[in-house]
Amino acid sequence: MENKEKLGQESAFPITHEQFETIPTYKGMSKRFYAACAAVSGIMANARTEPIENFHFKNIVEDAYKIADELLKQENL
């Protein structure tokens, strides 16, 4: 990413103030992580005919975060 600030660090599913009173340490997953998980699901669904040993998981995860970062950039336009 061009800037040092990471996009999407806020909660994907924010809780209300009333809920926060009862769950003070709960932040949940970030928007960035949630978007990357969705991207991984799509990537893996598209490649489902490949044997699992042929996957380069590090590359898949890196690509998923690139997709997530672009989604978050577009959201902030």
N, C-alpha and C. Protein backbone atom coordinates (compact mmCIF):
# COMPACT_ATOMS: atom_id res chain seq x y z
N MET A 1 0.83 -1.18 0.00
CA MET A 1 0.00 0.00 0.00
C MET A 1 0.88 1.24 0.00
N GLU A 2 0.36 2.28 -0.60
CA GLU A 2 1.14 3.50 -0.71
C GLU A 2 1.37 4.18 0.64
N ASN A 3 0.31 4.32 1.43
CA ASN A 3 0.47 5.00 2.70
C ASN A 3 0.68 4.00 3.83
N LYS A 4 1.20 4.50 4.95
CA LYS A 4 1.51 3.63 6.09
C LYS A 4 0.25 3.21 6.85
N GLU A 5 -0.81 3.99 6.74
CA GLU A 5 -2.04 3.70 7.47
C GLU A 5 -2.77 2.54 6.81
N LYS A 6 -3.18 1.58 7.60
CA LYS A 6 -3.90 0.44 7.06
C LYS A 6 -5.39 0.75 7.01
N LEU A 7 -5.99 0.41 5.90
CA LEU A 7 -7.43 0.60 5.74
C LEU A 7 -8.18 -0.53 6.44
N GLY A 8 -9.39 -0.27 6.81
CA GLY A 8 -10.29 -1.31 7.28
C GLY A 8 -9.99 -1.88 8.63
N GLN A 9 -9.31 -1.15 9.50
CA GLN A 9 -9.02 -1.69 10.82
C GLN A 9 -10.20 -1.57 11.78
N GLU A 10 -11.21 -0.78 11.39
CA GLU A 10 -12.40 -0.70 12.23
C GLU A 10 -13.17 -2.01 12.16
N SER A 11 -14.02 -2.23 13.13
CA SER A 11 -14.77 -3.47 13.23
C SER A 11 -15.71 -3.66 12.04
N ALA A 12 -15.75 -4.88 11.53
CA ALA A 12 -16.67 -5.20 10.44
C ALA A 12 -18.11 -5.21 10.93
N PHE A 13 -18.30 -5.55 12.18
CA PHE A 13 -19.64 -5.65 12.77
C PHE A 13 -19.65 -4.89 14.10
N PRO A 14 -19.68 -3.57 14.02
CA PRO A 14 -19.61 -2.79 15.26
C PRO A 14 -20.79 -3.08 16.19
N ILE A 15 -20.54 -2.94 17.48
CA ILE A 15 -21.60 -3.17 18.46
C ILE A 15 -22.06 -1.83 19.02
N THR A 16 -23.28 -1.81 19.52
CA THR A 16 -23.82 -0.58 20.07
C THR A 16 -23.21 -0.29 21.43
N HIS A 17 -23.38 0.93 21.89
CA HIS A 17 -22.86 1.33 23.20
C HIS A 17 -23.44 0.44 24.31
N GLU A 18 -24.72 0.11 24.19
CA GLU A 18 -25.35 -0.74 25.21
C GLU A 18 -24.69 -2.13 25.25
N GLN A 19 -24.38 -2.67 24.09
CA GLN A 19 -23.73 -3.97 24.04
C GLN A 19 -22.30 -3.86 24.57
N PHE A 20 -21.64 -2.74 24.31
CA PHE A 20 -20.26 -2.56 24.75
C PHE A 20 -20.16 -2.57 26.26
N GLU A 21 -21.19 -2.09 26.94
CA GLU A 21 -21.20 -2.10 28.41
C GLU A 21 -21.09 -3.53 28.93
N THR A 22 -21.71 -4.49 28.24
CA THR A 22 -21.71 -5.87 28.72
C THR A 22 -20.54 -6.69 28.17
N ILE A 23 -19.92 -6.22 27.09
CA ILE A 23 -18.80 -6.93 26.50
C ILE A 23 -17.66 -5.94 26.28
N PRO A 24 -16.99 -5.48 27.31
CA PRO A 24 -16.03 -4.38 27.17
C PRO A 24 -14.80 -4.67 26.31
N THR A 25 -14.40 -5.93 26.15
CA THR A 25 -13.18 -6.21 25.38
C THR A 25 -13.45 -6.69 23.97
N TYR A 26 -14.70 -6.80 23.56
CA TYR A 26 -15.03 -7.34 22.25
C TYR A 26 -14.88 -6.30 21.15
N LYS A 27 -14.02 -6.58 20.20
CA LYS A 27 -13.88 -5.70 19.04
C LYS A 27 -14.28 -6.42 17.76
N GLY A 28 -14.21 -7.72 17.75
CA GLY A 28 -14.57 -8.47 16.56
C GLY A 28 -13.51 -8.37 15.47
N MET A 29 -13.81 -8.93 14.32
CA MET A 29 -12.86 -8.91 13.22
C MET A 29 -12.90 -7.57 12.49
N SER A 30 -11.78 -7.23 11.89
CA SER A 30 -11.71 -5.97 11.15
C SER A 30 -12.39 -6.11 9.79
N LYS A 31 -12.73 -4.98 9.21
CA LYS A 31 -13.30 -4.98 7.86
C LYS A 31 -12.30 -5.57 6.86
N ARG A 32 -11.03 -5.29 7.08
CA ARG A 32 -10.00 -5.79 6.17
C ARG A 32 -9.92 -7.32 6.22
N PHE A 33 -9.92 -7.88 7.42
CA PHE A 33 -9.87 -9.33 7.57
C PHE A 33 -11.12 -9.98 6.98
N TYR A 34 -12.28 -9.38 7.23
CA TYR A 34 -13.53 -9.91 6.70
C TYR A 34 -13.52 -9.91 5.17
N ALA A 35 -13.06 -8.82 4.56
CA ALA A 35 -13.00 -8.74 3.11
C ALA A 35 -11.99 -9.74 2.55
N ALA A 36 -10.86 -9.92 3.23
CA ALA A 36 -9.86 -10.88 2.77
C ALA A 36 -10.40 -12.31 2.85
N CYS A 37 -11.16 -12.62 3.90
CA CYS A 37 -11.77 -13.95 4.02
C CYS A 37 -12.74 -14.21 2.86
N ALA A 38 -13.52 -13.20 2.51
CA ALA A 38 -14.46 -13.34 1.40
C ALA A 38 -13.69 -13.56 0.09
N ALA A 39 -12.59 -12.84 -0.08
CA ALA A 39 -11.78 -13.00 -1.29
C ALA A 39 -11.17 -14.41 -1.36
N VAL A 40 -10.68 -14.92 -0.23
CA VAL A 40 -10.12 -16.27 -0.20
C VAL A 40 -11.19 -17.29 -0.58
N SER A 41 -12.40 -17.10 -0.10
CA SER A 41 -13.49 -18.02 -0.44
C SER A 41 -13.72 -18.05 -1.94
N GLY A 42 -13.72 -16.88 -2.56
CA GLY A 42 -13.91 -16.81 -4.00
C GLY A 42 -12.77 -17.43 -4.77
N ILE A 43 -11.56 -17.13 -4.34
CA ILE A 43 -10.38 -17.69 -5.00
C ILE A 43 -10.39 -19.21 -4.91
N MET A 44 -10.66 -19.74 -3.73
CA MET A 44 -10.66 -21.19 -3.53
C MET A 44 -11.81 -21.87 -4.27
N ALA A 45 -12.96 -21.22 -4.32
CA ALA A 45 -14.11 -21.80 -5.04
C ALA A 45 -13.80 -21.89 -6.53
N ASN A 46 -13.09 -20.92 -7.04
CA ASN A 46 -12.74 -20.90 -8.46
C ASN A 46 -11.69 -21.96 -8.80
N ALA A 47 -10.89 -22.36 -7.82
CA ALA A 47 -9.79 -23.30 -8.05
C ALA A 47 -10.08 -24.67 -7.46
N ARG A 48 -11.33 -25.00 -7.26
CA ARG A 48 -11.67 -26.23 -6.53
C ARG A 48 -11.28 -27.52 -7.24
N THR A 49 -10.94 -27.47 -8.53
CA THR A 49 -10.56 -28.70 -9.23
C THR A 49 -9.10 -29.06 -9.03
N GLU A 50 -8.32 -28.13 -8.48
CA GLU A 50 -6.90 -28.37 -8.24
C GLU A 50 -6.71 -29.22 -6.98
N PRO A 51 -5.75 -30.15 -6.99
CA PRO A 51 -5.43 -30.85 -5.74
C PRO A 51 -4.89 -29.87 -4.69
N ILE A 52 -5.22 -30.09 -3.45
CA ILE A 52 -4.85 -29.18 -2.37
C ILE A 52 -3.34 -28.97 -2.28
N GLU A 53 -2.56 -29.98 -2.61
CA GLU A 53 -1.10 -29.85 -2.51
C GLU A 53 -0.52 -28.91 -3.58
N ASN A 54 -1.31 -28.55 -4.59
CA ASN A 54 -0.85 -27.62 -5.63
C ASN A 54 -1.04 -26.15 -5.25
N PHE A 55 -1.76 -25.88 -4.18
CA PHE A 55 -2.02 -24.49 -3.80
C PHE A 55 -0.82 -23.87 -3.11
N HIS A 56 -0.60 -22.60 -3.40
CA HIS A 56 0.42 -21.81 -2.74
C HIS A 56 -0.33 -20.86 -1.81
N PHE A 57 -0.60 -21.33 -0.60
CA PHE A 57 -1.47 -20.61 0.32
C PHE A 57 -0.97 -19.21 0.65
N LYS A 58 0.33 -19.05 0.78
CA LYS A 58 0.87 -17.72 1.07
C LYS A 58 0.48 -16.74 -0.04
N ASN A 59 0.60 -17.16 -1.28
CA ASN A 59 0.24 -16.31 -2.42
C ASN A 59 -1.27 -16.03 -2.44
N ILE A 60 -2.07 -17.02 -2.11
CA ILE A 60 -3.51 -16.84 -2.09
C ILE A 60 -3.90 -15.80 -1.05
N VAL A 61 -3.31 -15.91 0.13
CA VAL A 61 -3.62 -14.95 1.21
C VAL A 61 -3.13 -13.55 0.83
N GLU A 62 -1.93 -13.45 0.27
CA GLU A 62 -1.43 -12.13 -0.15
C GLU A 62 -2.36 -11.52 -1.20
N ASP A 63 -2.81 -12.32 -2.17
CA ASP A 63 -3.75 -11.83 -3.18
C ASP A 63 -5.07 -11.41 -2.56
N ALA A 64 -5.54 -12.17 -1.59
CA ALA A 64 -6.81 -11.84 -0.93
C ALA A 64 -6.71 -10.50 -0.22
N TYR A 65 -5.59 -10.23 0.44
CA TYR A 65 -5.42 -8.94 1.11
C TYR A 65 -5.27 -7.80 0.11
N LYS A 66 -4.67 -8.06 -1.04
CA LYS A 66 -4.61 -7.02 -2.09
C LYS A 66 -6.02 -6.68 -2.56
N ILE A 67 -6.84 -7.70 -2.75
CA ILE A 67 -8.24 -7.48 -3.15
C ILE A 67 -8.98 -6.72 -2.06
N ALA A 68 -8.81 -7.15 -0.81
CA ALA A 68 -9.47 -6.47 0.31
C ALA A 68 -9.05 -5.01 0.39
N ASP A 69 -7.77 -4.74 0.24
CA ASP A 69 -7.28 -3.36 0.31
C ASP A 69 -7.89 -2.50 -0.80
N GLU A 70 -8.01 -3.06 -1.99
CA GLU A 70 -8.62 -2.31 -3.08
C GLU A 70 -10.10 -2.06 -2.83
N LEU A 71 -10.79 -3.05 -2.29
CA LEU A 71 -12.21 -2.87 -1.93
C LEU A 71 -12.35 -1.73 -0.92
N LEU A 72 -11.50 -1.71 0.08
CA LEU A 72 -11.58 -0.68 1.11
C LEU A 72 -11.20 0.70 0.56
N LYS A 73 -10.25 0.75 -0.37
CA LYS A 73 -9.92 2.03 -1.01
C LYS A 73 -11.15 2.56 -1.76
N GLN A 74 -11.81 1.68 -2.49
CA GLN A 74 -12.99 2.10 -3.25
C GLN A 74 -14.11 2.53 -2.33
N GLU A 75 -14.24 1.89 -1.19
CA GLU A 75 -15.28 2.27 -0.22
C GLU A 75 -15.04 3.68 0.30
N ASN A 76 -13.78 4.06 0.44
CA ASN A 76 -13.43 5.36 1.00
C ASN A 76 -13.36 6.49 -0.02
N LEU A 77 -13.69 6.23 -1.28
CA LEU A 77 -13.68 7.29 -2.31
C LEU A 77 -14.81 8.26 -2.11
